[in-house]
Amino acid sequence: MDDRTRNELSANLAELRAREARVRQQLQTHAANIDQVRRELGNPYFYTGEAAGEAESEAHYTGYQSHEPAFRLWQERQEIAQQIAVIRKQLQDAGIESA
């Protein structure tokens, strides 16, 4: 592996790790604000047997809209993790990074 390729891989790895940290922070912020998310996007669950006027009754069920923001962040985190694994493998194969 030449210096240019190694430098590009190292730069990409650093960028991916920074993106991963941002996504992790966004997930933590989302979790900390879950009550607000559910107020804005709806009730993602219900309990059978609850009276229709109860907040957790089927009458107030809005589907999984409030799961979507976290799911998108989770998917992004998974994609970043896969890209990091590929770059680390390339660097390991070149003897630059240990396993």
Protein backbone atom coordinates (compact mmCIF):
# COMPACT_ATOMS: atom_id res chain seq x y z
CA MET A 1 0.00 0.00 0.00
CA ASP A 2 1.44 3.35 -0.97
CA ASP A 3 1.54 6.41 1.27
CA ARG A 4 -1.23 8.17 -0.62
CA THR A 5 -3.67 5.26 -0.23
CA ARG A 6 -2.76 4.83 3.44
CA ASN A 7 -3.27 8.55 4.08
CA GLU A 8 -6.63 8.52 2.29
CA LEU A 9 -7.79 5.50 4.28
CA SER A 10 -6.63 7.07 7.53
CA ALA A 11 -8.41 10.33 6.70
CA ASN A 12 -11.60 8.45 5.79
CA LEU A 13 -11.38 6.48 9.01
CA ALA A 14 -11.01 9.65 11.07
CA GLU A 15 -14.01 11.22 9.29
CA LEU A 16 -16.12 8.12 9.85
CA ARG A 17 -15.24 8.01 13.53
CA ALA A 18 -16.25 11.65 13.88
CA ARG A 19 -19.57 10.93 12.11
CA GLU A 20 -20.08 7.94 14.37
CA ALA A 21 -19.57 10.12 17.45
CA ARG A 22 -22.08 12.69 16.10
CA VAL A 23 -24.69 10.01 15.42
CA ARG A 24 -24.14 8.48 18.86
CA GLN A 25 -24.70 11.92 20.41
CA GLN A 26 -27.84 12.42 18.33
CA LEU A 27 -29.17 9.06 19.53
CA GLN A 28 -28.49 10.02 23.14
CA THR A 29 -30.22 13.36 22.66
CA HIS A 30 -33.18 11.65 21.03
CA ALA A 31 -33.47 9.21 23.93
CA ALA A 32 -33.27 12.04 26.46
CA ASN A 33 -36.13 13.82 24.67
CA ILE A 34 -38.33 10.79 24.02
CA ASP A 35 -41.34 12.31 25.80
CA GLN A 36 -41.23 15.35 23.50
CA VAL A 37 -40.78 13.11 20.45
CA ARG A 38 -43.84 11.11 21.41
CA ARG A 39 -45.86 14.28 22.00
CA GLU A 40 -44.94 15.46 18.49
CA LEU A 41 -45.07 12.16 16.60
CA GLY A 42 -47.54 10.12 18.58
CA ASN A 43 -48.00 7.12 20.80
CA PRO A 44 -46.03 4.12 19.44
CA TYR A 45 -47.73 1.57 21.68
CA PHE A 46 -51.02 0.80 23.36
CA TYR A 47 -52.39 -1.55 25.94
CA THR A 48 -55.55 -3.51 25.29
CA GLY A 49 -58.17 -3.07 27.91
CA GLU A 50 -57.41 0.60 28.52
CA ALA A 51 -60.40 2.95 28.30
CA ALA A 52 -60.55 4.97 25.08
CA GLY A 53 -59.80 8.17 26.99
CA GLU A 54 -56.52 6.84 28.41
CA ALA A 55 -53.30 8.04 26.74
CA GLU A 56 -52.08 4.47 26.31
CA SER A 57 -55.30 3.12 24.82
CA GLU A 58 -55.65 1.83 21.28
CA ALA A 59 -57.73 4.92 20.48
CA HIS A 60 -54.56 7.05 20.78
CA TYR A 61 -52.26 4.65 18.93
CA THR A 62 -50.51 6.47 16.08
CA GLY A 63 -48.29 3.74 14.72
CA TYR A 64 -44.53 3.77 14.71
CA GLN A 65 -43.84 7.36 13.58
CA SER A 66 -42.03 8.17 16.81
CA HIS A 67 -39.64 5.27 16.17
CA GLU A 68 -38.57 6.58 12.76
CA PRO A 69 -36.03 9.24 13.86
CA ALA A 70 -34.16 6.80 16.11
CA PHE A 71 -34.37 4.05 13.50
CA ARG A 72 -32.84 6.31 10.84
CA LEU A 73 -30.01 7.23 13.23
CA TRP A 74 -29.48 3.57 14.09
CA GLN A 75 -29.31 2.67 10.39
CA GLU A 76 -26.79 5.45 9.79
CA ARG A 77 -24.73 4.19 12.73
CA GLN A 78 -24.79 0.67 11.29
CA GLU A 79 -23.66 1.88 7.86
CA ILE A 80 -20.81 3.86 9.42
CA ALA A 81 -19.75 0.84 11.49
CA GLN A 82 -19.62 -1.29 8.34
CA GLN A 83 -17.51 1.31 6.53
CA ILE A 84 -15.15 1.55 9.51
CA ALA A 85 -14.78 -2.24 9.52
CA VAL A 86 -13.87 -2.26 5.82
CA ILE A 87 -11.23 0.44 6.22
CA ARG A 88 -9.77 -1.16 9.35
CA LYS A 89 -9.53 -4.49 7.49
CA GLN A 90 -7.72 -2.81 4.61
CA LEU A 91 -5.28 -1.18 7.03
CA GLN A 92 -4.80 -4.47 8.89
CA ASP A 93 -4.15 -6.34 5.66
CA ALA A 94 -1.46 -3.76 4.86
CA GLY A 95 0.06 -4.27 8.32
CA ILE A 96 -0.69 -0.71 9.40
CA GLU A 97 -3.36 -1.28 12.08
CA SER A 98 -3.52 -4.13 14.55
CA ALA A 99 -6.63 -6.26 14.97
